[in-house]
Amino acid sequence: MTSISVRVPDEIKKKMKKLSHINWSEELREIILKIIYQEENKNIAKALLANEELRKDAPSQWDSTELIRYWRDNRYGYSSD
């Protein structure tokens, strides 16, 4: 496990010492994980919104299989026709 250092003002350190029953390392780990989780979910949410915007602009009856077949055939230099 890796260690990191956190600087806090002397006044906060004194207050933390008075609350010595709290495992400050564990509390900070949980906060860090919560922030990471929130940021990762933000990225997922942005991707979903972008996907919905693209889908909204796409033709409603568009069939992707024809396009996929076209590109697969042309990638290998032959046609399935």
N, C-alpha and C. Protein backbone atom coordinates (compact mmCIF):
# COMPACT_ATOMS: atom_id res chain seq x y z
N MET A 1 0.85 -1.17 0.00
CA MET A 1 0.00 0.00 0.00
C MET A 1 0.89 1.23 0.00
N THR A 2 0.47 2.24 -0.74
CA THR A 2 1.22 3.49 -0.85
C THR A 2 0.78 4.47 0.21
N SER A 3 1.70 5.31 0.65
CA SER A 3 1.38 6.36 1.62
C SER A 3 1.36 7.70 0.92
N ILE A 4 0.47 8.58 1.41
CA ILE A 4 0.46 9.96 0.94
C ILE A 4 0.45 10.85 2.18
N SER A 5 0.84 12.09 1.99
CA SER A 5 0.85 13.06 3.08
C SER A 5 -0.18 14.14 2.81
N VAL A 6 -0.77 14.61 3.88
CA VAL A 6 -1.75 15.68 3.77
C VAL A 6 -1.35 16.76 4.76
N ARG A 7 -1.30 17.99 4.28
CA ARG A 7 -0.97 19.11 5.16
C ARG A 7 -2.27 19.76 5.63
N VAL A 8 -2.33 19.97 6.94
CA VAL A 8 -3.47 20.67 7.52
C VAL A 8 -2.93 21.74 8.46
N PRO A 9 -3.69 22.82 8.64
CA PRO A 9 -3.26 23.85 9.58
C PRO A 9 -3.15 23.29 11.01
N ASP A 10 -2.32 23.91 11.80
CA ASP A 10 -2.10 23.46 13.19
C ASP A 10 -3.41 23.37 13.97
N GLU A 11 -4.31 24.30 13.76
CA GLU A 11 -5.57 24.31 14.49
C GLU A 11 -6.40 23.05 14.18
N ILE A 12 -6.41 22.65 12.93
CA ILE A 12 -7.13 21.43 12.56
C ILE A 12 -6.47 20.21 13.17
N LYS A 13 -5.15 20.17 13.15
CA LYS A 13 -4.43 19.05 13.75
C LYS A 13 -4.75 18.91 15.23
N LYS A 14 -4.85 20.02 15.93
CA LYS A 14 -5.21 19.99 17.36
C LYS A 14 -6.60 19.41 17.55
N LYS A 15 -7.53 19.83 16.72
CA LYS A 15 -8.89 19.31 16.83
C LYS A 15 -8.93 17.82 16.49
N MET A 16 -8.15 17.40 15.52
CA MET A 16 -8.09 15.98 15.17
C MET A 16 -7.55 15.17 16.33
N LYS A 17 -6.55 15.71 17.02
CA LYS A 17 -5.97 15.01 18.16
C LYS A 17 -6.98 14.82 19.28
N LYS A 18 -7.87 15.81 19.47
CA LYS A 18 -8.91 15.69 20.50
C LYS A 18 -9.90 14.57 20.15
N LEU A 19 -10.03 14.30 18.87
CA LEU A 19 -10.92 13.25 18.40
C LEU A 19 -10.12 12.00 18.04
N SER A 20 -9.28 11.58 18.93
CA SER A 20 -8.33 10.49 18.65
C SER A 20 -9.02 9.14 18.41
N HIS A 21 -10.28 9.01 18.78
CA HIS A 21 -11.00 7.76 18.55
C HIS A 21 -11.34 7.56 17.07
N ILE A 22 -11.18 8.62 16.28
CA ILE A 22 -11.47 8.53 14.84
C ILE A 22 -10.23 8.07 14.09
N ASN A 23 -10.40 7.11 13.21
CA ASN A 23 -9.31 6.64 12.36
C ASN A 23 -9.26 7.57 11.14
N TRP A 24 -8.44 8.60 11.25
CA TRP A 24 -8.40 9.63 10.21
C TRP A 24 -7.94 9.09 8.86
N SER A 25 -7.03 8.15 8.87
CA SER A 25 -6.57 7.55 7.61
C SER A 25 -7.72 6.86 6.89
N GLU A 26 -8.51 6.09 7.65
CA GLU A 26 -9.64 5.39 7.05
C GLU A 26 -10.69 6.38 6.54
N GLU A 27 -10.94 7.42 7.31
CA GLU A 27 -11.91 8.44 6.88
C GLU A 27 -11.46 9.10 5.58
N LEU A 28 -10.20 9.43 5.48
CA LEU A 28 -9.69 10.06 4.26
C LEU A 28 -9.73 9.11 3.08
N ARG A 29 -9.43 7.83 3.32
CA ARG A 29 -9.53 6.83 2.25
C ARG A 29 -10.95 6.77 1.70
N GLU A 30 -11.92 6.76 2.60
CA GLU A 30 -13.32 6.68 2.18
C GLU A 30 -13.73 7.92 1.38
N ILE A 31 -13.27 9.08 1.81
CA ILE A 31 -13.57 10.31 1.09
C ILE A 31 -12.95 10.29 -0.30
N ILE A 32 -11.71 9.85 -0.38
CA ILE A 32 -11.02 9.76 -1.68
C ILE A 32 -11.77 8.81 -2.61
N LEU A 33 -12.17 7.65 -2.10
CA LEU A 33 -12.91 6.70 -2.92
C LEU A 33 -14.25 7.27 -3.37
N LYS A 34 -14.92 8.01 -2.50
CA LYS A 34 -16.20 8.62 -2.86
C LYS A 34 -16.01 9.62 -4.00
N ILE A 35 -14.96 10.42 -3.93
CA ILE A 35 -14.70 11.40 -4.97
C ILE A 35 -14.36 10.70 -6.29
N ILE A 36 -13.55 9.66 -6.22
CA ILE A 36 -13.20 8.90 -7.43
C ILE A 36 -14.47 8.32 -8.05
N TYR A 37 -15.33 7.72 -7.24
CA TYR A 37 -16.57 7.14 -7.73
C TYR A 37 -17.45 8.20 -8.40
N GLN A 38 -17.58 9.36 -7.77
CA GLN A 38 -18.38 10.44 -8.33
C GLN A 38 -17.83 10.92 -9.67
N GLU A 39 -16.52 11.06 -9.76
CA GLU A 39 -15.90 11.52 -11.00
C GLU A 39 -16.06 10.50 -12.11
N GLU A 40 -15.89 9.22 -11.78
CA GLU A 40 -16.07 8.18 -12.79
C GLU A 40 -17.51 8.15 -13.28
N ASN A 41 -18.46 8.33 -12.37
CA ASN A 41 -19.86 8.34 -12.77
C ASN A 41 -20.20 9.57 -13.59
N LYS A 42 -19.52 10.69 -13.31
CA LYS A 42 -19.72 11.89 -14.13
C LYS A 42 -19.32 11.60 -15.57
N ASN A 43 -18.19 10.92 -15.75
CA ASN A 43 -17.72 10.59 -17.09
C ASN A 43 -18.70 9.65 -17.80
N ILE A 44 -19.25 8.70 -17.06
CA ILE A 44 -20.23 7.78 -17.63
C ILE A 44 -21.49 8.56 -18.02
N ALA A 45 -21.91 9.46 -17.15
CA ALA A 45 -23.11 10.26 -17.43
C ALA A 45 -22.90 11.13 -18.67
N LYS A 46 -21.72 11.73 -18.79
CA LYS A 46 -21.42 12.55 -19.97
C LYS A 46 -21.46 11.71 -21.24
N ALA A 47 -20.90 10.50 -21.16
CA ALA A 47 -20.89 9.61 -22.32
C ALA A 47 -22.31 9.21 -22.70
N LEU A 48 -23.14 8.92 -21.70
CA LEU A 48 -24.53 8.55 -21.99
C LEU A 48 -25.29 9.71 -22.63
N LEU A 49 -25.07 10.92 -22.11
CA LEU A 49 -25.74 12.08 -22.69
C LEU A 49 -25.28 12.31 -24.14
N ALA A 50 -23.98 12.17 -24.38
CA ALA A 50 -23.47 12.33 -25.74
C ALA A 50 -24.06 11.27 -26.66
N ASN A 51 -24.15 10.04 -26.18
CA ASN A 51 -24.73 8.96 -26.97
C ASN A 51 -26.19 9.25 -27.31
N GLU A 52 -26.94 9.74 -26.33
CA GLU A 52 -28.35 10.06 -26.57
C GLU A 52 -28.50 11.18 -27.59
N GLU A 53 -27.61 12.17 -27.54
CA GLU A 53 -27.65 13.26 -28.52
C GLU A 53 -27.41 12.72 -29.93
N LEU A 54 -26.44 11.81 -30.06
CA LEU A 54 -26.15 11.22 -31.37
C LEU A 54 -27.33 10.39 -31.86
N ARG A 55 -27.91 9.62 -30.96
CA ARG A 55 -29.04 8.78 -31.33
C ARG A 55 -30.24 9.62 -31.75
N LYS A 56 -30.42 10.75 -31.10
CA LYS A 56 -31.55 11.63 -31.41
C LYS A 56 -31.45 12.14 -32.84
N ASP A 57 -30.23 12.40 -33.31
CA ASP A 57 -30.02 12.93 -34.65
C ASP A 57 -29.99 11.85 -35.73
N ALA A 58 -29.88 10.60 -35.34
CA ALA A 58 -29.82 9.51 -36.32
C ALA A 58 -31.21 9.21 -36.88
N PRO A 59 -31.26 8.76 -38.13
CA PRO A 59 -32.57 8.39 -38.70
C PRO A 59 -33.22 7.31 -37.84
N SER A 60 -34.53 7.39 -37.66
CA SER A 60 -35.22 6.48 -36.74
C SER A 60 -35.23 5.03 -37.23
N GLN A 61 -35.24 4.81 -38.53
CA GLN A 61 -35.30 3.45 -39.06
C GLN A 61 -33.95 3.00 -39.63
N TRP A 62 -32.87 3.57 -39.17
CA TRP A 62 -31.55 3.26 -39.70
C TRP A 62 -31.13 1.86 -39.28
N ASP A 63 -30.63 1.09 -40.25
CA ASP A 63 -30.18 -0.27 -39.98
C ASP A 63 -28.67 -0.32 -40.14
N SER A 64 -27.99 -0.54 -39.04
CA SER A 64 -26.53 -0.50 -39.06
C SER A 64 -25.92 -1.72 -39.74
N THR A 65 -26.66 -2.80 -39.90
CA THR A 65 -26.07 -4.02 -40.46
C THR A 65 -25.58 -3.82 -41.88
N GLU A 66 -26.30 -3.01 -42.67
CA GLU A 66 -25.86 -2.75 -44.04
C GLU A 66 -24.54 -2.00 -44.07
N LEU A 67 -24.41 -1.01 -43.21
CA LEU A 67 -23.16 -0.24 -43.15
C LEU A 67 -22.00 -1.10 -42.66
N ILE A 68 -22.25 -1.92 -41.67
CA ILE A 68 -21.20 -2.81 -41.15
C ILE A 68 -20.75 -3.77 -42.25
N ARG A 69 -21.69 -4.36 -42.96
CA ARG A 69 -21.36 -5.28 -44.05
C ARG A 69 -20.53 -4.58 -45.11
N TYR A 70 -20.94 -3.35 -45.49
CA TYR A 70 -20.22 -2.58 -46.49
C TYR A 70 -18.75 -2.39 -46.08
N TRP A 71 -18.51 -1.95 -44.84
CA TRP A 71 -17.14 -1.68 -44.40
C TRP A 71 -16.33 -2.95 -44.22
N ARG A 72 -16.96 -4.01 -43.78
CA ARG A 72 -16.24 -5.28 -43.65
C ARG A 72 -15.81 -5.78 -45.03
N ASP A 73 -16.71 -5.71 -45.99
CA ASP A 73 -16.39 -6.18 -47.35
C ASP A 73 -15.29 -5.32 -47.97
N ASN A 74 -15.36 -4.04 -47.81
CA ASN A 74 -14.35 -3.15 -48.41
C ASN A 74 -13.02 -3.20 -47.69
N ARG A 75 -13.03 -3.54 -46.43
CA ARG A 75 -11.77 -3.66 -45.69
C ARG A 75 -10.92 -4.78 -46.24
N TYR A 76 -11.55 -5.87 -46.64
CA TYR A 76 -10.83 -7.02 -47.15
C TYR A 76 -10.71 -7.03 -48.67
N GLY A 77 -11.29 -6.04 -49.32
CA GLY A 77 -11.15 -5.90 -50.77
C GLY A 77 -12.05 -6.80 -51.58
N TYR A 78 -13.12 -7.30 -51.00
CA TYR A 78 -14.09 -8.08 -51.79
C TYR A 78 -15.49 -7.73 -51.36
N SER A 79 -16.43 -8.09 -52.18
CA SER A 79 -17.83 -7.80 -51.90
C SER A 79 -18.60 -9.10 -51.75
N SER A 80 -19.62 -9.10 -50.87
CA SER A 80 -20.41 -10.31 -50.69
C SER A 80 -21.50 -10.46 -51.73
N ASP A 81 -21.62 -9.47 -52.68
CA ASP A 81 -22.65 -9.51 -53.72
C ASP A 81 -22.38 -10.59 -54.74
